[in-house]
Amino acid sequence: MNSVLYIAGFPSETPPEVLLEGKSLFKNYFKAKSDFVQQPIPETGLEGLWKRLLEEDSPLMIWNPYGGMMANISESAIPFPHRKGNLFKIQYVTSWYEGNKEATTKHMDWIRGVYDYMGAYVPTSPRAAYVNYRDFDLGVNDKSNNSFSQASVWGAKYFKANFGRLVKVKTKVDPDNFFRHEQSIPAVLDDD
């Protein structure tokens, strides 16, 4: 509980009940992107990445190791397919406090530049992404129509071959697409 208070910016003596109010002490903005890495990144690649990190005000990268027992689970056993063959996952993050267009453009351009740079060091068919770091740069559903072809763009990156199976489940349990968001799995009817 104390870590939640700390991350939310509250002083250390703050009682946890303050979280029930649902109010943050500050407003911040952020953008995250992700990659799965299957080959060691060469030293020159890491040097270029380091150079780019030093260009940003508050860069953050999270490297999660993969392999071990995780690699023993088939890609099709559960919806999350990114298992065997991945050395690690990288999450790239930038955050800022100013809500103006200039600040937003600066930080978005930076993270997109880092992501573009890292394209040389990750698989690209498709360039996979971690589903819990929703990346709207990959595409979003049209508010009035969640089409299979539209959602397949990010669906393949998040779920690989499991996307089709997830669409079938979604169509069966939520045919009216009640549970939806910008990158939700669509319910596909016969006319789609």
N, C-alpha and C. Protein backbone atom coordinates (compact mmCIF):
# COMPACT_ATOMS: atom_id res chain seq x y z
N MET A 1 0.82 -1.18 0.00
CA MET A 1 0.00 0.00 0.00
C MET A 1 0.88 1.26 0.00
N ASN A 2 1.96 1.22 0.76
CA ASN A 2 2.85 2.38 0.81
C ASN A 2 3.46 2.68 -0.56
N SER A 3 3.72 1.66 -1.35
CA SER A 3 4.29 1.90 -2.67
C SER A 3 3.29 2.62 -3.57
N VAL A 4 2.01 2.30 -3.44
CA VAL A 4 0.98 2.98 -4.23
C VAL A 4 0.94 4.45 -3.85
N LEU A 5 1.00 4.73 -2.57
CA LEU A 5 1.01 6.12 -2.11
C LEU A 5 2.24 6.85 -2.62
N TYR A 6 3.37 6.19 -2.58
CA TYR A 6 4.62 6.80 -3.04
C TYR A 6 4.55 7.14 -4.54
N ILE A 7 4.13 6.17 -5.33
CA ILE A 7 4.05 6.38 -6.77
C ILE A 7 3.04 7.48 -7.12
N ALA A 8 1.99 7.60 -6.31
CA ALA A 8 0.97 8.63 -6.55
C ALA A 8 1.44 10.01 -6.07
N GLY A 9 2.61 10.07 -5.44
CA GLY A 9 3.16 11.37 -5.04
C GLY A 9 2.76 11.86 -3.67
N PHE A 10 2.17 11.00 -2.85
CA PHE A 10 1.76 11.41 -1.51
C PHE A 10 2.95 11.35 -0.54
N PRO A 11 2.98 12.23 0.47
CA PRO A 11 4.03 12.16 1.50
C PRO A 11 3.98 10.82 2.24
N SER A 12 5.09 10.39 2.80
CA SER A 12 5.19 9.07 3.42
C SER A 12 4.24 8.85 4.58
N GLU A 13 3.84 9.90 5.27
CA GLU A 13 2.94 9.74 6.44
C GLU A 13 1.46 9.75 6.07
N THR A 14 1.14 9.79 4.78
CA THR A 14 -0.25 9.86 4.33
C THR A 14 -0.97 8.55 4.61
N PRO A 15 -2.15 8.61 5.24
CA PRO A 15 -2.91 7.38 5.50
C PRO A 15 -3.46 6.82 4.18
N PRO A 16 -3.52 5.50 4.04
CA PRO A 16 -3.96 4.90 2.79
C PRO A 16 -5.41 5.24 2.42
N GLU A 17 -6.21 5.67 3.37
CA GLU A 17 -7.61 6.01 3.09
C GLU A 17 -7.75 7.14 2.06
N VAL A 18 -6.69 7.94 1.91
CA VAL A 18 -6.73 9.03 0.93
C VAL A 18 -6.95 8.48 -0.49
N LEU A 19 -6.56 7.25 -0.73
CA LEU A 19 -6.73 6.65 -2.05
C LEU A 19 -8.21 6.43 -2.38
N LEU A 20 -9.05 6.31 -1.35
CA LEU A 20 -10.47 6.11 -1.57
C LEU A 20 -11.14 7.36 -2.17
N GLU A 21 -10.48 8.51 -2.05
CA GLU A 21 -11.02 9.75 -2.60
C GLU A 21 -10.87 9.81 -4.12
N GLY A 22 -9.97 8.99 -4.66
CA GLY A 22 -9.79 8.93 -6.11
C GLY A 22 -9.22 10.18 -6.74
N LYS A 23 -8.51 10.99 -5.97
CA LYS A 23 -7.93 12.23 -6.50
C LYS A 23 -6.41 12.14 -6.47
N SER A 24 -5.81 12.52 -7.55
CA SER A 24 -4.35 12.54 -7.63
C SER A 24 -3.83 13.91 -7.22
N LEU A 25 -2.59 13.95 -6.74
CA LEU A 25 -1.97 15.22 -6.38
C LEU A 25 -1.48 15.98 -7.60
N PHE A 26 -1.32 15.29 -8.70
CA PHE A 26 -0.76 15.94 -9.88
C PHE A 26 -1.34 15.31 -11.14
N LYS A 27 -1.21 16.02 -12.23
CA LYS A 27 -1.62 15.51 -13.54
C LYS A 27 -0.36 15.26 -14.34
N ASN A 28 -0.24 14.08 -14.87
CA ASN A 28 0.89 13.81 -15.74
C ASN A 28 0.42 13.08 -16.99
N TYR A 29 1.26 13.11 -17.98
CA TYR A 29 0.98 12.50 -19.26
C TYR A 29 2.11 11.51 -19.53
N PHE A 30 1.80 10.45 -20.27
CA PHE A 30 2.86 9.51 -20.61
C PHE A 30 2.53 8.78 -21.90
N LYS A 31 3.55 8.21 -22.47
CA LYS A 31 3.41 7.36 -23.65
C LYS A 31 4.33 6.17 -23.45
N ALA A 32 3.83 4.98 -23.74
CA ALA A 32 4.63 3.77 -23.64
C ALA A 32 4.54 2.99 -24.95
N LYS A 33 5.61 2.32 -25.28
CA LYS A 33 5.68 1.43 -26.43
C LYS A 33 6.46 0.19 -25.97
N SER A 34 6.39 -0.88 -26.74
CA SER A 34 7.07 -2.09 -26.30
C SER A 34 7.63 -2.88 -27.48
N ASP A 35 8.59 -3.73 -27.16
CA ASP A 35 9.21 -4.64 -28.13
C ASP A 35 9.57 -5.94 -27.44
N PHE A 36 9.60 -7.00 -28.22
CA PHE A 36 10.15 -8.28 -27.77
C PHE A 36 11.47 -8.48 -28.52
N VAL A 37 12.49 -8.86 -27.80
CA VAL A 37 13.83 -8.99 -28.38
C VAL A 37 14.21 -10.47 -28.40
N GLN A 38 14.67 -10.94 -29.57
CA GLN A 38 15.01 -12.35 -29.73
C GLN A 38 16.50 -12.60 -29.93
N GLN A 39 17.24 -11.56 -30.25
CA GLN A 39 18.69 -11.68 -30.44
C GLN A 39 19.37 -10.63 -29.57
N PRO A 40 20.55 -10.93 -29.04
CA PRO A 40 21.27 -9.91 -28.26
C PRO A 40 21.47 -8.64 -29.08
N ILE A 41 21.26 -7.51 -28.46
CA ILE A 41 21.48 -6.23 -29.12
C ILE A 41 22.98 -5.95 -29.09
N PRO A 42 23.60 -5.67 -30.24
CA PRO A 42 25.04 -5.44 -30.25
C PRO A 42 25.40 -4.17 -29.47
N GLU A 43 26.65 -4.09 -29.06
CA GLU A 43 27.12 -2.96 -28.27
C GLU A 43 26.84 -1.63 -28.98
N THR A 44 27.05 -1.59 -30.27
CA THR A 44 26.80 -0.34 -31.00
C THR A 44 25.32 0.05 -30.94
N GLY A 45 24.45 -0.93 -30.97
CA GLY A 45 23.02 -0.67 -30.84
C GLY A 45 22.68 -0.11 -29.48
N LEU A 46 23.29 -0.68 -28.44
CA LEU A 46 23.06 -0.17 -27.07
C LEU A 46 23.62 1.23 -26.89
N GLU A 47 24.76 1.51 -27.52
CA GLU A 47 25.33 2.85 -27.45
C GLU A 47 24.40 3.87 -28.09
N GLY A 48 23.82 3.51 -29.23
CA GLY A 48 22.86 4.40 -29.89
C GLY A 48 21.61 4.60 -29.06
N LEU A 49 21.16 3.54 -28.39
CA LEU A 49 20.00 3.64 -27.50
C LEU A 49 20.31 4.56 -26.33
N TRP A 50 21.48 4.39 -25.73
CA TRP A 50 21.90 5.23 -24.60
C TRP A 50 21.92 6.71 -25.02
N LYS A 51 22.46 6.98 -26.20
CA LYS A 51 22.51 8.35 -26.71
C LYS A 51 21.10 8.94 -26.79
N ARG A 52 20.15 8.16 -27.28
CA ARG A 52 18.78 8.63 -27.40
C ARG A 52 18.12 8.83 -26.03
N LEU A 53 18.43 7.97 -25.09
CA LEU A 53 17.88 8.13 -23.73
C LEU A 53 18.32 9.44 -23.10
N LEU A 54 19.56 9.83 -23.37
CA LEU A 54 20.08 11.07 -22.80
C LEU A 54 19.45 12.32 -23.41
N GLU A 55 18.73 12.17 -24.50
CA GLU A 55 18.06 13.30 -25.14
C GLU A 55 16.72 13.63 -24.49
N GLU A 56 16.20 12.75 -23.67
CA GLU A 56 14.85 12.91 -23.11
C GLU A 56 14.92 13.36 -21.66
N ASP A 57 13.91 14.15 -21.22
CA ASP A 57 13.87 14.67 -19.85
C ASP A 57 13.69 13.56 -18.81
N SER A 58 12.76 12.66 -19.06
CA SER A 58 12.49 11.61 -18.07
C SER A 58 12.27 10.27 -18.77
N PRO A 59 13.32 9.73 -19.39
CA PRO A 59 13.14 8.45 -20.07
C PRO A 59 13.09 7.30 -19.06
N LEU A 60 12.40 6.27 -19.44
CA LEU A 60 12.36 5.07 -18.62
C LEU A 60 12.28 3.88 -19.57
N MET A 61 13.04 2.85 -19.26
CA MET A 61 12.93 1.59 -19.97
C MET A 61 12.85 0.48 -18.93
N ILE A 62 11.99 -0.46 -19.19
CA ILE A 62 11.84 -1.63 -18.33
C ILE A 62 12.17 -2.85 -19.19
N TRP A 63 13.16 -3.62 -18.76
CA TRP A 63 13.58 -4.81 -19.48
C TRP A 63 13.16 -6.03 -18.65
N ASN A 64 12.24 -6.82 -19.17
CA ASN A 64 11.78 -8.03 -18.48
C ASN A 64 12.38 -9.25 -19.14
N PRO A 65 13.15 -10.04 -18.40
CA PRO A 65 13.73 -11.25 -18.99
C PRO A 65 12.66 -12.30 -19.27
N TYR A 66 12.85 -13.04 -20.33
CA TYR A 66 11.96 -14.13 -20.70
C TYR A 66 12.79 -15.41 -20.77
N GLY A 67 12.14 -16.50 -21.10
CA GLY A 67 12.83 -17.78 -21.17
C GLY A 67 12.46 -18.65 -19.99
N GLY A 68 13.31 -19.59 -19.65
CA GLY A 68 13.04 -20.49 -18.53
C GLY A 68 11.77 -21.29 -18.76
N MET A 69 11.03 -21.54 -17.70
CA MET A 69 9.80 -22.32 -17.77
C MET A 69 8.76 -21.67 -18.68
N MET A 70 8.80 -20.37 -18.77
CA MET A 70 7.84 -19.66 -19.61
C MET A 70 7.92 -20.15 -21.06
N ALA A 71 9.12 -20.46 -21.50
CA ALA A 71 9.32 -20.90 -22.88
C ALA A 71 8.75 -22.30 -23.14
N ASN A 72 8.41 -23.04 -22.09
CA ASN A 72 7.86 -24.38 -22.24
C ASN A 72 6.36 -24.38 -22.54
N ILE A 73 5.72 -23.23 -22.41
CA ILE A 73 4.29 -23.13 -22.67
C ILE A 73 4.09 -22.76 -24.14
N SER A 74 3.28 -23.52 -24.82
CA SER A 74 3.02 -23.30 -26.24
C SER A 74 2.41 -21.91 -26.47
N GLU A 75 2.75 -21.30 -27.61
CA GLU A 75 2.17 -20.00 -27.97
C GLU A 75 0.65 -20.06 -28.03
N SER A 76 0.09 -21.21 -28.37
CA SER A 76 -1.36 -21.32 -28.52
C SER A 76 -2.07 -21.83 -27.26
N ALA A 77 -1.33 -22.12 -26.20
CA ALA A 77 -1.94 -22.67 -25.00
C ALA A 77 -2.85 -21.66 -24.29
N ILE A 78 -2.46 -20.42 -24.30
CA ILE A 78 -3.23 -19.34 -23.68
C ILE A 78 -3.12 -18.12 -24.61
N PRO A 79 -3.94 -17.09 -24.41
CA PRO A 79 -3.89 -15.95 -25.34
C PRO A 79 -2.53 -15.27 -25.47
N PHE A 80 -1.75 -15.22 -24.40
CA PHE A 80 -0.45 -14.55 -24.44
C PHE A 80 0.57 -15.45 -25.14
N PRO A 81 1.02 -15.08 -26.36
CA PRO A 81 1.86 -15.98 -27.14
C PRO A 81 3.36 -15.74 -27.03
N HIS A 82 3.78 -14.64 -26.46
CA HIS A 82 5.19 -14.22 -26.54
C HIS A 82 6.03 -14.97 -25.51
N ARG A 83 6.43 -16.15 -25.86
CA ARG A 83 7.12 -17.02 -24.93
C ARG A 83 8.43 -17.52 -25.49
N LYS A 84 8.42 -18.65 -26.14
CA LYS A 84 9.64 -19.27 -26.65
C LYS A 84 10.32 -18.37 -27.68
N GLY A 85 11.63 -18.25 -27.54
CA GLY A 85 12.41 -17.48 -28.50
C GLY A 85 12.66 -16.04 -28.12
N ASN A 86 11.97 -15.52 -27.12
CA ASN A 86 12.19 -14.15 -26.69
C ASN A 86 13.20 -14.12 -25.54
N LEU A 87 14.21 -13.29 -25.69
CA LEU A 87 15.18 -13.10 -24.60
C LEU A 87 14.61 -12.17 -23.53
N PHE A 88 13.95 -11.11 -24.00
CA PHE A 88 13.36 -10.15 -23.06
C PHE A 88 12.37 -9.25 -23.78
N LYS A 89 11.59 -8.54 -22.96
CA LYS A 89 10.65 -7.55 -23.45
C LYS A 89 11.16 -6.20 -22.97
N ILE A 90 11.02 -5.18 -23.82
CA ILE A 90 11.39 -3.82 -23.42
C ILE A 90 10.13 -2.96 -23.45
N GLN A 91 9.93 -2.20 -22.40
CA GLN A 91 8.92 -1.15 -22.42
C GLN A 91 9.67 0.18 -22.41
N TYR A 92 9.34 1.03 -23.37
CA TYR A 92 9.89 2.37 -23.45
C TYR A 92 8.83 3.32 -22.92
N VAL A 93 9.23 4.26 -22.06
CA VAL A 93 8.25 5.17 -21.46
C VAL A 93 8.83 6.58 -21.43
N THR A 94 7.97 7.54 -21.69
CA THR A 94 8.28 8.93 -21.43
C THR A 94 7.09 9.53 -20.70
N SER A 95 7.35 10.48 -19.82
CA SER A 95 6.26 11.15 -19.11
C SER A 95 6.56 12.63 -19.00
N TRP A 96 5.50 13.40 -18.86
CA TRP A 96 5.66 14.85 -18.75
C TRP A 96 4.45 15.42 -18.02
N TYR A 97 4.58 16.65 -17.54
CA TYR A 97 3.54 17.28 -16.73
C TYR A 97 2.81 18.41 -17.45
N GLU A 98 3.40 18.95 -18.50
CA GLU A 98 2.77 20.05 -19.22
C GLU A 98 1.77 19.47 -20.22
N GLY A 99 0.57 20.01 -20.23
CA GLY A 99 -0.46 19.48 -21.13
C GLY A 99 -0.55 20.20 -22.46
N ASN A 100 0.41 21.05 -22.77
CA ASN A 100 0.33 21.80 -24.02
C ASN A 100 0.82 20.97 -25.20
N LYS A 101 0.46 21.43 -26.39
CA LYS A 101 0.78 20.70 -27.62
C LYS A 101 2.29 20.59 -27.84
N GLU A 102 3.03 21.63 -27.52
CA GLU A 102 4.49 21.62 -27.74
C GLU A 102 5.16 20.52 -26.91
N ALA A 103 4.79 20.41 -25.63
CA ALA A 103 5.38 19.38 -24.77
C ALA A 103 4.97 17.99 -25.24
N THR A 104 3.71 17.84 -25.58
CA THR A 104 3.23 16.54 -26.04
C THR A 104 3.96 16.12 -27.31
N THR A 105 4.09 17.01 -28.26
CA THR A 105 4.78 16.71 -29.51
C THR A 105 6.23 16.33 -29.25
N LYS A 106 6.90 17.07 -28.38
CA LYS A 106 8.31 16.80 -28.07
C LYS A 106 8.49 15.37 -27.54
N HIS A 107 7.70 14.99 -26.57
CA HIS A 107 7.86 13.67 -25.94
C HIS A 107 7.37 12.54 -26.85
N MET A 108 6.30 12.78 -27.58
CA MET A 108 5.81 11.75 -28.50
C MET A 108 6.81 11.53 -29.63
N ASP A 109 7.38 12.61 -30.15
CA ASP A 109 8.40 12.47 -31.20
C ASP A 109 9.60 11.70 -30.67
N TRP A 110 9.99 11.97 -29.43
CA TRP A 110 11.15 11.28 -28.86
C TRP A 110 10.89 9.77 -28.78
N ILE A 111 9.76 9.37 -28.18
CA ILE A 111 9.53 7.94 -27.98
C ILE A 111 9.34 7.22 -29.32
N ARG A 112 8.71 7.88 -30.27
CA ARG A 112 8.55 7.27 -31.59
C ARG A 112 9.90 7.13 -32.28
N GLY A 113 10.80 8.08 -32.04
CA GLY A 113 12.15 7.99 -32.60
C GLY A 113 12.93 6.83 -31.99
N VAL A 114 12.81 6.64 -30.69
CA VAL A 114 13.49 5.51 -30.02
C VAL A 114 12.93 4.19 -30.56
N TYR A 115 11.61 4.14 -30.68
CA TYR A 115 10.97 2.93 -31.20
C TYR A 115 11.43 2.64 -32.63
N ASP A 116 11.48 3.66 -33.45
CA ASP A 116 11.96 3.48 -34.83
C ASP A 116 13.41 2.99 -34.84
N TYR A 117 14.24 3.58 -33.99
CA TYR A 117 15.64 3.18 -33.91
C TYR A 117 15.76 1.69 -33.53
N MET A 118 14.97 1.25 -32.57
CA MET A 118 15.05 -0.13 -32.09
C MET A 118 14.50 -1.14 -33.08
N GLY A 119 13.83 -0.69 -34.12
CA GLY A 119 13.31 -1.59 -35.13
C GLY A 119 14.38 -2.45 -35.78
N ALA A 120 15.60 -1.98 -35.78
CA ALA A 120 16.71 -2.75 -36.37
C ALA A 120 17.12 -3.94 -35.50
N TYR A 121 16.64 -3.99 -34.26
CA TYR A 121 17.11 -5.01 -33.32
C TYR A 121 16.01 -5.95 -32.84
N VAL A 122 14.84 -5.87 -33.45
CA VAL A 122 13.72 -6.71 -33.03
C VAL A 122 13.07 -7.35 -34.25
N PRO A 123 12.38 -8.48 -34.07
CA PRO A 123 11.66 -9.10 -35.19
C PRO A 123 10.58 -8.16 -35.72
N THR A 124 10.31 -8.24 -37.01
CA THR A 124 9.35 -7.31 -37.60
C THR A 124 8.21 -7.98 -38.37
N SER A 125 8.07 -9.28 -38.26
CA SER A 125 7.01 -9.97 -39.02
C SER A 125 6.11 -10.80 -38.12
N PRO A 126 5.22 -10.26 -37.35
CA PRO A 126 5.04 -8.83 -37.15
C PRO A 126 5.96 -8.32 -36.04
N ARG A 127 6.07 -7.02 -35.93
CA ARG A 127 6.77 -6.43 -34.80
C ARG A 127 5.82 -6.52 -33.62
N ALA A 128 6.11 -7.43 -32.70
CA ALA A 128 5.19 -7.75 -31.61
C ALA A 128 5.14 -6.63 -30.57
N ALA A 129 4.06 -6.61 -29.81
CA ALA A 129 3.88 -5.62 -28.75
C ALA A 129 3.19 -6.29 -27.57
N TYR A 130 3.40 -5.74 -26.40
CA TYR A 130 2.81 -6.29 -25.17
C TYR A 130 1.44 -5.66 -24.96
N VAL A 131 0.41 -6.47 -24.85
CA VAL A 131 -0.97 -6.01 -24.83
C VAL A 131 -1.28 -5.06 -23.65
N ASN A 132 -0.67 -5.23 -22.51
CA ASN A 132 -0.99 -4.37 -21.37
C ASN A 132 -0.35 -2.98 -21.46
N TYR A 133 0.44 -2.74 -22.48
CA TYR A 133 0.96 -1.39 -22.74
C TYR A 133 0.26 -0.89 -24.00
N ARG A 134 -1.02 -0.71 -23.94
CA ARG A 134 -1.77 -0.32 -25.14
C ARG A 134 -1.06 0.82 -25.87
N ASP A 135 -0.80 0.59 -27.12
CA ASP A 135 -0.07 1.54 -27.95
C ASP A 135 -0.97 1.95 -29.10
N PHE A 136 -1.59 3.12 -28.99
CA PHE A 136 -2.53 3.56 -30.01
C PHE A 136 -1.85 3.91 -31.32
N ASP A 137 -0.52 4.00 -31.34
CA ASP A 137 0.18 4.17 -32.62
C ASP A 137 -0.03 2.96 -33.52
N LEU A 138 -0.35 1.82 -32.94
CA LEU A 138 -0.57 0.61 -33.72
C LEU A 138 -1.93 0.61 -34.41
N GLY A 139 -2.82 1.49 -33.99
CA GLY A 139 -4.16 1.60 -34.56
C GLY A 139 -5.21 1.56 -33.47
N VAL A 140 -6.40 2.02 -33.81
CA VAL A 140 -7.53 2.02 -32.88
C VAL A 140 -8.81 1.67 -33.63
N ASN A 141 -9.77 1.17 -32.88
CA ASN A 141 -11.09 0.89 -33.46
C ASN A 141 -11.79 2.18 -33.83
N ASP A 142 -12.53 2.12 -34.91
CA ASP A 142 -13.44 3.20 -35.27
C ASP A 142 -14.56 3.16 -34.23
N LYS A 143 -14.97 4.30 -33.71
CA LYS A 143 -15.98 4.33 -32.65
C LYS A 143 -17.29 3.68 -33.07
N SER A 144 -17.63 3.74 -34.33
CA SER A 144 -18.90 3.19 -34.77
C SER A 144 -18.79 1.77 -35.33
N ASN A 145 -17.57 1.30 -35.55
CA ASN A 145 -17.42 -0.02 -36.18
C ASN A 145 -16.10 -0.65 -35.76
N ASN A 146 -16.18 -1.76 -35.08
CA ASN A 146 -14.97 -2.51 -34.72
C ASN A 146 -14.81 -3.63 -35.73
N SER A 147 -14.02 -3.41 -36.76
CA SER A 147 -13.89 -4.40 -37.82
C SER A 147 -12.73 -5.35 -37.54
N PHE A 148 -12.88 -6.55 -38.06
CA PHE A 148 -11.84 -7.56 -37.93
C PHE A 148 -10.56 -7.10 -38.61
N SER A 149 -10.66 -6.59 -39.82
CA SER A 149 -9.45 -6.18 -40.55
C SER A 149 -8.73 -5.05 -39.84
N GLN A 150 -9.48 -4.10 -39.31
CA GLN A 150 -8.87 -2.99 -38.58
C GLN A 150 -8.17 -3.49 -37.32
N ALA A 151 -8.86 -4.33 -36.55
CA ALA A 151 -8.31 -4.83 -35.29
C ALA A 151 -7.18 -5.84 -35.50
N SER A 152 -7.14 -6.47 -36.67
CA SER A 152 -6.08 -7.44 -36.95
C SER A 152 -4.70 -6.79 -36.94
N VAL A 153 -4.63 -5.51 -37.22
CA VAL A 153 -3.34 -4.81 -37.25
C VAL A 153 -2.66 -4.91 -35.90
N TRP A 154 -3.33 -4.51 -34.84
CA TRP A 154 -2.73 -4.63 -33.51
C TRP A 154 -2.97 -6.00 -32.90
N GLY A 155 -4.03 -6.67 -33.30
CA GLY A 155 -4.31 -8.00 -32.76
C GLY A 155 -3.18 -8.98 -33.03
N ALA A 156 -2.60 -8.94 -34.23
CA ALA A 156 -1.48 -9.82 -34.57
C ALA A 156 -0.25 -9.47 -33.75
N LYS A 157 -0.05 -8.20 -33.45
CA LYS A 157 1.12 -7.78 -32.67
C LYS A 157 0.99 -8.18 -31.20
N TYR A 158 -0.23 -8.08 -30.68
CA TYR A 158 -0.46 -8.44 -29.28
C TYR A 158 -0.62 -9.94 -29.07
N PHE A 159 -1.32 -10.61 -29.99
CA PHE A 159 -1.73 -12.00 -29.76
C PHE A 159 -1.22 -13.00 -30.80
N LYS A 160 -0.52 -12.54 -31.82
CA LYS A 160 -0.04 -13.40 -32.91
C LYS A 160 -1.20 -14.23 -33.48
N ALA A 161 -0.99 -15.52 -33.70
CA ALA A 161 -2.02 -16.37 -34.30
C ALA A 161 -3.22 -16.59 -33.38
N ASN A 162 -3.11 -16.25 -32.12
CA ASN A 162 -4.23 -16.43 -31.18
C ASN A 162 -5.34 -15.41 -31.40
N PHE A 163 -5.07 -14.36 -32.15
CA PHE A 163 -6.07 -13.31 -32.34
C PHE A 163 -7.36 -13.86 -32.94
N GLY A 164 -7.27 -14.68 -33.97
CA GLY A 164 -8.47 -15.25 -34.59
C GLY A 164 -9.30 -16.04 -33.61
N ARG A 165 -8.66 -16.82 -32.78
CA ARG A 165 -9.37 -17.61 -31.77
C ARG A 165 -10.05 -16.69 -30.76
N LEU A 166 -9.37 -15.61 -30.37
CA LEU A 166 -9.96 -14.67 -29.42
C LEU A 166 -11.17 -13.95 -30.02
N VAL A 167 -11.13 -13.66 -31.31
CA VAL A 167 -12.28 -13.06 -31.99
C VAL A 167 -13.48 -14.01 -31.92
N LYS A 168 -13.25 -15.29 -32.14
CA LYS A 168 -14.34 -16.28 -32.08
C LYS A 168 -14.96 -16.32 -30.68
N VAL A 169 -14.11 -16.29 -29.65
CA VAL A 169 -14.62 -16.30 -28.27
C VAL A 169 -15.41 -15.03 -27.99
N LYS A 170 -14.85 -13.88 -28.38
CA LYS A 170 -15.52 -12.60 -28.17
C LYS A 170 -16.89 -12.60 -28.87
N THR A 171 -16.94 -13.10 -30.08
CA THR A 171 -18.18 -13.13 -30.84
C THR A 171 -19.22 -14.00 -30.14
N LYS A 172 -18.77 -15.07 -29.53
CA LYS A 172 -19.71 -15.99 -28.85
C LYS A 172 -20.20 -15.41 -27.52
N VAL A 173 -19.31 -14.84 -26.72
CA VAL A 173 -19.71 -14.39 -25.37
C VAL A 173 -20.15 -12.93 -25.30
N ASP A 174 -19.80 -12.12 -26.30
CA ASP A 174 -20.18 -10.71 -26.30
C ASP A 174 -20.50 -10.26 -27.73
N PRO A 175 -21.52 -10.86 -28.35
CA PRO A 175 -21.82 -10.56 -29.75
C PRO A 175 -22.20 -9.10 -30.00
N ASP A 176 -22.72 -8.41 -28.99
CA ASP A 176 -23.10 -6.99 -29.15
C ASP A 176 -21.94 -6.05 -28.86
N ASN A 177 -20.77 -6.62 -28.53
CA ASN A 177 -19.56 -5.83 -28.28
C ASN A 177 -19.76 -4.80 -27.17
N PHE A 178 -20.43 -5.22 -26.11
CA PHE A 178 -20.66 -4.34 -24.97
C PHE A 178 -19.34 -3.96 -24.30
N PHE A 179 -18.47 -4.95 -24.12
CA PHE A 179 -17.17 -4.71 -23.48
C PHE A 179 -16.16 -4.33 -24.57
N ARG A 180 -15.90 -3.05 -24.68
CA ARG A 180 -15.02 -2.57 -25.74
C ARG A 180 -14.21 -1.38 -25.28
N HIS A 181 -13.11 -1.18 -25.98
CA HIS A 181 -12.26 0.00 -25.80
C HIS A 181 -11.54 0.24 -27.12
N GLU A 182 -10.62 1.17 -27.13
CA GLU A 182 -9.98 1.59 -28.38
C GLU A 182 -9.29 0.45 -29.13
N GLN A 183 -8.80 -0.55 -28.41
CA GLN A 183 -8.13 -1.66 -29.07
C GLN A 183 -8.71 -3.01 -28.65
N SER A 184 -9.99 -3.03 -28.42
CA SER A 184 -10.60 -4.29 -28.00
C SER A 184 -10.70 -5.27 -29.16
N ILE A 185 -10.86 -6.51 -28.81
CA ILE A 185 -11.06 -7.56 -29.78
C ILE A 185 -12.50 -7.43 -30.29
N PRO A 186 -12.70 -7.43 -31.59
CA PRO A 186 -14.06 -7.22 -32.11
C PRO A 186 -14.89 -8.49 -32.07
N ALA A 187 -16.20 -8.28 -32.00
CA ALA A 187 -17.14 -9.36 -32.24
C ALA A 187 -17.44 -9.33 -33.72
N VAL A 188 -17.25 -10.44 -34.40
CA VAL A 188 -17.42 -10.47 -35.85
C VAL A 188 -18.70 -11.22 -36.19
N LEU A 189 -19.59 -10.53 -36.87
CA LEU A 189 -20.83 -11.15 -37.29
C LEU A 189 -20.67 -11.64 -38.72
N ASP A 190 -21.65 -12.37 -39.21
CA ASP A 190 -21.56 -12.98 -40.55
C ASP A 190 -21.27 -12.00 -41.66
N ASP A 191 -21.72 -10.74 -41.52
CA ASP A 191 -21.53 -9.77 -42.60
C ASP A 191 -20.21 -9.01 -42.52
N ASP A 192 -19.34 -9.33 -41.57
CA ASP A 192 -18.04 -8.64 -41.46
C ASP A 192 -17.02 -9.18 -42.43
